[in-house]
Amino acid sequence: MSHSRPTPKITIDPLKIAIGVFVVLGVVLTAVAGYALIETLGGGLGAIPPELAMTAVFGAFLLVTAAATRRHVPHR
């Protein structure tokens, strides 16, 4: 009598990996383009109002929190 459970098979989905890579690449390229636009028009990061900087930081924090929560909360 065996009391061991079968090990779950982990499958790697290449489509999900490719989509994830392209999403990360898109976010990085958008950040680089935004930085280049600010450098060209505003003269550096010192030209960004503190309110806009805090809004961007808070928005990024919300996105990271939502992504982390979605992984740990079971779907209905």
PDB file of N, CA and C in Angstrom:
ATOM      1  N   MET A   1       0.840  -1.168   0.000  1.00  0.00           N
ATOM      2  CA  MET A   1       0.000   0.000   0.000  1.00  0.00           C
ATOM      3  C   MET A   1       0.891   1.239   0.000  1.00  0.00           C
ATOM      4  N   SER A   2       0.701   2.041  -0.991  1.00  0.00           N
ATOM      5  CA  SER A   2       1.536   3.228  -1.128  1.00  0.00           C
ATOM      6  C   SER A   2       0.762   4.453  -0.656  1.00  0.00           C
ATOM      7  N   HIS A   3       1.395   5.237   0.188  1.00  0.00           N
ATOM      8  CA  HIS A   3       0.763   6.450   0.691  1.00  0.00           C
ATOM      9  C   HIS A   3       1.288   7.705   0.001  1.00  0.00           C
ATOM     10  N   SER A   4       2.098   7.522  -0.979  1.00  0.00           N
ATOM     11  CA  SER A   4       2.660   8.695  -1.653  1.00  0.00           C
ATOM     12  C   SER A   4       1.678   9.222  -2.699  1.00  0.00           C
ATOM     13  N   ARG A   5       1.674  10.525  -2.820  1.00  0.00           N
ATOM     14  CA  ARG A   5       0.819  11.154  -3.820  1.00  0.00           C
ATOM     15  C   ARG A   5       1.591  11.263  -5.126  1.00  0.00           C
ATOM     16  N   PRO A   6       0.902  11.200  -6.236  1.00  0.00           N
ATOM     17  CA  PRO A   6       1.609  11.395  -7.502  1.00  0.00           C
ATOM     18  C   PRO A   6       2.077  12.850  -7.614  1.00  0.00           C
ATOM     19  N   THR A   7       3.256  13.016  -8.121  1.00  0.00           N
ATOM     20  CA  THR A   7       3.782  14.377  -8.258  1.00  0.00           C
ATOM     21  C   THR A   7       3.059  15.076  -9.397  1.00  0.00           C
ATOM     22  N   PRO A   8       2.693  16.336  -9.179  1.00  0.00           N
ATOM     23  CA  PRO A   8       1.996  17.052 -10.243  1.00  0.00           C
ATOM     24  C   PRO A   8       2.948  17.327 -11.403  1.00  0.00           C
ATOM     25  N   LYS A   9       2.423  17.168 -12.591  1.00  0.00           N
ATOM     26  CA  LYS A   9       3.234  17.401 -13.781  1.00  0.00           C
ATOM     27  C   LYS A   9       3.222  18.895 -14.093  1.00  0.00           C
ATOM     28  N   ILE A  10       4.397  19.461 -14.205  1.00  0.00           N
ATOM     29  CA  ILE A  10       4.525  20.885 -14.501  1.00  0.00           C
ATOM     30  C   ILE A  10       4.764  21.029 -15.994  1.00  0.00           C
ATOM     31  N   THR A  11       3.850  21.721 -16.642  1.00  0.00           N
ATOM     32  CA  THR A  11       4.003  21.939 -18.077  1.00  0.00           C
ATOM     33  C   THR A  11       4.413  23.383 -18.322  1.00  0.00           C
ATOM     34  N   ILE A  12       5.277  23.564 -19.267  1.00  0.00           N
ATOM     35  CA  ILE A  12       5.736  24.898 -19.643  1.00  0.00           C
ATOM     36  C   ILE A  12       5.009  25.287 -20.920  1.00  0.00           C
ATOM     37  N   ASP A  13       4.292  26.394 -20.857  1.00  0.00           N
ATOM     38  CA  ASP A  13       3.536  26.868 -22.008  1.00  0.00           C
ATOM     39  C   ASP A  13       4.361  27.924 -22.740  1.00  0.00           C
ATOM     40  N   PRO A  14       4.866  27.609 -23.927  1.00  0.00           N
ATOM     41  CA  PRO A  14       5.706  28.577 -24.636  1.00  0.00           C
ATOM     42  C   PRO A  14       4.955  29.847 -25.027  1.00  0.00           C
ATOM     43  N   LEU A  15       3.661  29.739 -25.262  1.00  0.00           N
ATOM     44  CA  LEU A  15       2.885  30.923 -25.633  1.00  0.00           C
ATOM     45  C   LEU A  15       2.810  31.908 -24.471  1.00  0.00           C
ATOM     46  N   LYS A  16       2.594  31.410 -23.256  1.00  0.00           N
ATOM     47  CA  LYS A  16       2.555  32.293 -22.085  1.00  0.00           C
ATOM     48  C   LYS A  16       3.917  32.932 -21.834  1.00  0.00           C
ATOM     49  N   ILE A  17       4.970  32.174 -22.043  1.00  0.00           N
ATOM     50  CA  ILE A  17       6.312  32.727 -21.865  1.00  0.00           C
ATOM     51  C   ILE A  17       6.570  33.824 -22.885  1.00  0.00           C
ATOM     52  N   ALA A  18       6.195  33.586 -24.138  1.00  0.00           N
ATOM     53  CA  ALA A  18       6.405  34.593 -25.186  1.00  0.00           C
ATOM     54  C   ALA A  18       5.599  35.856 -24.905  1.00  0.00           C
ATOM     55  N   ILE A  19       4.360  35.699 -24.475  1.00  0.00           N
ATOM     56  CA  ILE A  19       3.535  36.866 -24.153  1.00  0.00           C
ATOM     57  C   ILE A  19       4.148  37.635 -22.989  1.00  0.00           C
ATOM     58  N   GLY A  20       4.617  36.938 -21.976  1.00  0.00           N
ATOM     59  CA  GLY A  20       5.253  37.600 -20.841  1.00  0.00           C
ATOM     60  C   GLY A  20       6.500  38.365 -21.238  1.00  0.00           C
ATOM     61  N   VAL A  21       7.313  37.765 -22.099  1.00  0.00           N
ATOM     62  CA  VAL A  21       8.529  38.442 -22.559  1.00  0.00           C
ATOM     63  C   VAL A  21       8.175  39.704 -23.329  1.00  0.00           C
ATOM     64  N   PHE A  22       7.181  39.628 -24.202  1.00  0.00           N
ATOM     65  CA  PHE A  22       6.808  40.802 -24.986  1.00  0.00           C
ATOM     66  C   PHE A  22       6.157  41.886 -24.129  1.00  0.00           C
ATOM     67  N   VAL A  23       5.433  41.508 -23.096  1.00  0.00           N
ATOM     68  CA  VAL A  23       4.854  42.506 -22.192  1.00  0.00           C
ATOM     69  C   VAL A  23       5.962  43.236 -21.444  1.00  0.00           C
ATOM     70  N   VAL A  24       6.925  42.486 -20.925  1.00  0.00           N
ATOM     71  CA  VAL A  24       8.047  43.117 -20.219  1.00  0.00           C
ATOM     72  C   VAL A  24       8.836  44.007 -21.165  1.00  0.00           C
ATOM     73  N   LEU A  25       9.072  43.531 -22.379  1.00  0.00           N
ATOM     74  CA  LEU A  25       9.790  44.334 -23.369  1.00  0.00           C
ATOM     75  C   LEU A  25       9.025  45.613 -23.694  1.00  0.00           C
ATOM     76  N   GLY A  26       7.708  45.524 -23.812  1.00  0.00           N
ATOM     77  CA  GLY A  26       6.900  46.714 -24.073  1.00  0.00           C
ATOM     78  C   GLY A  26       6.959  47.717 -22.940  1.00  0.00           C
ATOM     79  N   VAL A  27       6.917  47.242 -21.714  1.00  0.00           N
ATOM     80  CA  VAL A  27       6.997  48.144 -20.560  1.00  0.00           C
ATOM     81  C   VAL A  27       8.359  48.828 -20.511  1.00  0.00           C
ATOM     82  N   VAL A  28       9.422  48.071 -20.759  1.00  0.00           N
ATOM     83  CA  VAL A  28      10.770  48.651 -20.739  1.00  0.00           C
ATOM     84  C   VAL A  28      10.929  49.681 -21.843  1.00  0.00           C
ATOM     85  N   LEU A  29      10.475  49.369 -23.045  1.00  0.00           N
ATOM     86  CA  LEU A  29      10.592  50.323 -24.150  1.00  0.00           C
ATOM     87  C   LEU A  29       9.748  51.571 -23.908  1.00  0.00           C
ATOM     88  N   THR A  30       8.588  51.413 -23.286  1.00  0.00           N
ATOM     89  CA  THR A  30       7.770  52.579 -22.952  1.00  0.00           C
ATOM     90  C   THR A  30       8.471  53.454 -21.924  1.00  0.00           C
ATOM     91  N   ALA A  31       9.106  52.844 -20.942  1.00  0.00           N
ATOM     92  CA  ALA A  31       9.842  53.617 -19.938  1.00  0.00           C
ATOM     93  C   ALA A  31      11.019  54.352 -20.568  1.00  0.00           C
ATOM     94  N   VAL A  32      11.730  53.702 -21.468  1.00  0.00           N
ATOM     95  CA  VAL A  32      12.860  54.348 -22.144  1.00  0.00           C
ATOM     96  C   VAL A  32      12.376  55.504 -23.008  1.00  0.00           C
ATOM     97  N   ALA A  33      11.271  55.303 -23.715  1.00  0.00           N
ATOM     98  CA  ALA A  33      10.731  56.382 -24.548  1.00  0.00           C
ATOM     99  C   ALA A  33      10.255  57.547 -23.693  1.00  0.00           C
ATOM    100  N   GLY A  34       9.630  57.259 -22.562  1.00  0.00           N
ATOM    101  CA  GLY A  34       9.195  58.326 -21.660  1.00  0.00           C
ATOM    102  C   GLY A  34      10.367  59.106 -21.101  1.00  0.00           C
ATOM    103  N   TYR A  35      11.420  58.400 -20.737  1.00  0.00           N
ATOM    104  CA  TYR A  35      12.620  59.069 -20.229  1.00  0.00           C
ATOM    105  C   TYR A  35      13.246  59.948 -21.314  1.00  0.00           C
ATOM    106  N   ALA A  36      13.314  59.428 -22.541  1.00  0.00           N
ATOM    107  CA  ALA A  36      13.881  60.213 -23.642  1.00  0.00           C
ATOM    108  C   ALA A  36      13.031  61.444 -23.925  1.00  0.00           C
ATOM    109  N   LEU A  37      11.720  61.301 -23.849  1.00  0.00           N
ATOM    110  CA  LEU A  37      10.831  62.443 -24.082  1.00  0.00           C
ATOM    111  C   LEU A  37      11.003  63.494 -22.994  1.00  0.00           C
ATOM    112  N   ILE A  38      11.119  63.066 -21.760  1.00  0.00           N
ATOM    113  CA  ILE A  38      11.315  64.017 -20.657  1.00  0.00           C
ATOM    114  C   ILE A  38      12.658  64.722 -20.801  1.00  0.00           C
ATOM    115  N   GLU A  39      13.697  63.973 -21.152  1.00  0.00           N
ATOM    116  CA  GLU A  39      15.021  64.575 -21.325  1.00  0.00           C
ATOM    117  C   GLU A  39      15.019  65.579 -22.473  1.00  0.00           C
ATOM    118  N   THR A  40      14.290  65.270 -23.539  1.00  0.00           N
ATOM    119  CA  THR A  40      14.271  66.148 -24.706  1.00  0.00           C
ATOM    120  C   THR A  40      13.469  67.414 -24.443  1.00  0.00           C
ATOM    121  N   LEU A  41      12.307  67.275 -23.846  1.00  0.00           N
ATOM    122  CA  LEU A  41      11.408  68.420 -23.696  1.00  0.00           C
ATOM    123  C   LEU A  41      11.594  69.167 -22.383  1.00  0.00           C
ATOM    124  N   GLY A  42      11.782  68.444 -21.301  1.00  0.00           N
ATOM    125  CA  GLY A  42      11.755  69.084 -19.992  1.00  0.00           C
ATOM    126  C   GLY A  42      13.099  69.381 -19.386  1.00  0.00           C
ATOM    127  N   GLY A  43      14.141  68.821 -19.898  1.00  0.00           N
ATOM    128  CA  GLY A  43      15.450  69.103 -19.352  1.00  0.00           C
ATOM    129  C   GLY A  43      15.830  68.244 -18.167  1.00  0.00           C
ATOM    130  N   GLY A  44      15.268  67.072 -18.032  1.00  0.00           N
ATOM    131  CA  GLY A  44      15.698  66.160 -16.974  1.00  0.00           C
ATOM    132  C   GLY A  44      14.581  65.770 -16.038  1.00  0.00           C
ATOM    133  N   LEU A  45      14.917  64.878 -15.128  1.00  0.00           N
ATOM    134  CA  LEU A  45      13.917  64.384 -14.181  1.00  0.00           C
ATOM    135  C   LEU A  45      13.534  65.432 -13.146  1.00  0.00           C
ATOM    136  N   GLY A  46      14.336  66.477 -12.998  1.00  0.00           N
ATOM    137  CA  GLY A  46      13.994  67.546 -12.070  1.00  0.00           C
ATOM    138  C   GLY A  46      12.811  68.368 -12.537  1.00  0.00           C
ATOM    139  N   ALA A  47      12.456  68.239 -13.825  1.00  0.00           N
ATOM    140  CA  ALA A  47      11.335  68.999 -14.372  1.00  0.00           C
ATOM    141  C   ALA A  47       9.988  68.346 -14.062  1.00  0.00           C
ATOM    142  N   ILE A  48       9.997  67.117 -13.543  1.00  0.00           N
ATOM    143  CA  ILE A  48       8.743  66.426 -13.224  1.00  0.00           C
ATOM    144  C   ILE A  48       8.226  66.952 -11.895  1.00  0.00           C
ATOM    145  N   PRO A  49       6.964  67.374 -11.872  1.00  0.00           N
ATOM    146  CA  PRO A  49       6.394  67.817 -10.592  1.00  0.00           C
ATOM    147  C   PRO A  49       6.336  66.646  -9.599  1.00  0.00           C
ATOM    148  N   PRO A  50       6.518  66.919  -8.327  1.00  0.00           N
ATOM    149  CA  PRO A  50       6.486  65.831  -7.331  1.00  0.00           C
ATOM    150  C   PRO A  50       5.162  65.072  -7.317  1.00  0.00           C
ATOM    151  N   GLU A  51       4.069  65.769  -7.613  1.00  0.00           N
ATOM    152  CA  GLU A  51       2.759  65.098  -7.619  1.00  0.00           C
ATOM    153  C   GLU A  51       2.699  64.038  -8.714  1.00  0.00           C
ATOM    154  N   LEU A  52       3.240  64.363  -9.887  1.00  0.00           N
ATOM    155  CA  LEU A  52       3.240  63.404 -10.990  1.00  0.00           C
ATOM    156  C   LEU A  52       4.133  62.207 -10.671  1.00  0.00           C
ATOM    157  N   ALA A  53       5.272  62.468 -10.062  1.00  0.00           N
ATOM    158  CA  ALA A  53       6.175  61.376  -9.694  1.00  0.00           C
ATOM    159  C   ALA A  53       5.516  60.450  -8.673  1.00  0.00           C
ATOM    160  N   MET A  54       4.849  61.015  -7.670  1.00  0.00           N
ATOM    161  CA  MET A  54       4.186  60.184  -6.661  1.00  0.00           C
ATOM    162  C   MET A  54       3.010  59.421  -7.259  1.00  0.00           C
ATOM    163  N   THR A  55       2.311  60.032  -8.219  1.00  0.00           N
ATOM    164  CA  THR A  55       1.219  59.335  -8.892  1.00  0.00           C
ATOM    165  C   THR A  55       1.750  58.132  -9.660  1.00  0.00           C
ATOM    166  N   ALA A  56       2.864  58.297 -10.348  1.00  0.00           N
ATOM    167  CA  ALA A  56       3.460  57.189 -11.097  1.00  0.00           C
ATOM    168  C   ALA A  56       3.939  56.083 -10.159  1.00  0.00           C
ATOM    169  N   VAL A  57       4.563  56.456  -9.058  1.00  0.00           N
ATOM    170  CA  VAL A  57       5.046  55.455  -8.099  1.00  0.00           C
ATOM    171  C   VAL A  57       3.873  54.711  -7.472  1.00  0.00           C
ATOM    172  N   PHE A  58       2.823  55.428  -7.103  1.00  0.00           N
ATOM    173  CA  PHE A  58       1.655  54.790  -6.499  1.00  0.00           C
ATOM    174  C   PHE A  58       0.950  53.881  -7.505  1.00  0.00           C
ATOM    175  N   GLY A  59       0.856  54.318  -8.764  1.00  0.00           N
ATOM    176  CA  GLY A  59       0.251  53.481  -9.802  1.00  0.00           C
ATOM    177  C   GLY A  59       1.032  52.197 -10.017  1.00  0.00           C
ATOM    178  N   ALA A  60       2.358  52.297 -10.044  1.00  0.00           N
ATOM    179  CA  ALA A  60       3.188  51.102 -10.196  1.00  0.00           C
ATOM    180  C   ALA A  60       3.019  50.173  -8.994  1.00  0.00           C
ATOM    181  N   PHE A  61       2.926  50.751  -7.801  1.00  0.00           N
ATOM    182  CA  PHE A  61       2.714  49.945  -6.598  1.00  0.00           C
ATOM    183  C   PHE A  61       1.374  49.208  -6.662  1.00  0.00           C
ATOM    184  N   LEU A  62       0.335  49.884  -7.137  1.00  0.00           N
ATOM    185  CA  LEU A  62      -0.969  49.231  -7.263  1.00  0.00           C
ATOM    186  C   LEU A  62      -0.932  48.089  -8.274  1.00  0.00           C
ATOM    187  N   LEU A  63      -0.231  48.286  -9.386  1.00  0.00           N
ATOM    188  CA  LEU A  63      -0.124  47.224 -10.385  1.00  0.00           C
ATOM    189  C   LEU A  63       0.603  46.001  -9.824  1.00  0.00           C
ATOM    190  N   VAL A  64       1.679  46.236  -9.100  1.00  0.00           N
ATOM    191  CA  VAL A  64       2.434  45.124  -8.515  1.00  0.00           C
ATOM    192  C   VAL A  64       1.600  44.411  -7.459  1.00  0.00           C
ATOM    193  N   THR A  65       0.881  45.172  -6.644  1.00  0.00           N
ATOM    194  CA  THR A  65       0.030  44.572  -5.615  1.00  0.00           C
ATOM    195  C   THR A  65      -1.093  43.751  -6.240  1.00  0.00           C
ATOM    196  N   ALA A  66      -1.710  44.275  -7.288  1.00  0.00           N
ATOM    197  CA  ALA A  66      -2.788  43.543  -7.960  1.00  0.00           C
ATOM    198  C   ALA A  66      -2.269  42.251  -8.581  1.00  0.00           C
ATOM    199  N   ALA A  67      -1.096  42.300  -9.179  1.00  0.00           N
ATOM    200  CA  ALA A  67      -0.529  41.091  -9.783  1.00  0.00           C
ATOM    201  C   ALA A  67      -0.198  40.051  -8.720  1.00  0.00           C
ATOM    202  N   ALA A  68       0.353  40.487  -7.597  1.00  0.00           N
ATOM    203  CA  ALA A  68       0.693  39.548  -6.529  1.00  0.00           C
ATOM    204  C   ALA A  68      -0.560  38.962  -5.892  1.00  0.00           C
ATOM    205  N   THR A  69      -1.590  39.776  -5.724  1.00  0.00           N
ATOM    206  CA  THR A  69      -2.836  39.303  -5.123  1.00  0.00           C
ATOM    207  C   THR A  69      -3.538  38.312  -6.036  1.00  0.00           C
ATOM    208  N   ARG A  70      -3.496  38.568  -7.315  1.00  0.00           N
ATOM    209  CA  ARG A  70      -4.181  37.695  -8.262  1.00  0.00           C
ATOM    210  C   ARG A  70      -3.595  36.284  -8.243  1.00  0.00           C
ATOM    211  N   ARG A  71      -2.311  36.175  -7.978  1.00  0.00           N
ATOM    212  CA  ARG A  71      -1.675  34.855  -7.944  1.00  0.00           C
ATOM    213  C   ARG A  71      -2.072  34.053  -6.714  1.00  0.00           C
ATOM    214  N   HIS A  72      -2.370  34.721  -5.604  1.00  0.00           N
ATOM    215  CA  HIS A  72      -2.595  34.015  -4.345  1.00  0.00           C
ATOM    216  C   HIS A  72      -4.065  33.866  -3.974  1.00  0.00           C
ATOM    217  N   VAL A  73      -4.945  34.609  -4.608  1.00  0.00           N
ATOM    218  CA  VAL A  73      -6.371  34.521  -4.293  1.00  0.00           C
ATOM    219  C   VAL A  73      -7.015  33.539  -5.269  1.00  0.00           C
ATOM    220  N   PRO A  74      -7.727  32.533  -4.764  1.00  0.00           N
ATOM    221  CA  PRO A  74      -8.346  31.562  -5.674  1.00  0.00           C
ATOM    222  C   PRO A  74      -9.469  32.202  -6.489  1.00  0.00           C
ATOM    223  N   HIS A  75      -9.617  31.710  -7.719  1.00  0.00           N
ATOM    224  CA  HIS A  75     -10.680  32.215  -8.591  1.00  0.00           C
ATOM    225  C   HIS A  75     -11.998  31.560  -8.218  1.00  0.00           C
ATOM    226  N   ARG A  76     -13.079  32.261  -8.438  1.00  0.00           N
ATOM    227  CA  ARG A  76     -14.406  31.714  -8.119  1.00  0.00           C
ATOM    228  C   ARG A  76     -14.955  30.931  -9.269  1.00  0.00           C
TER     229      ARG A  76
END
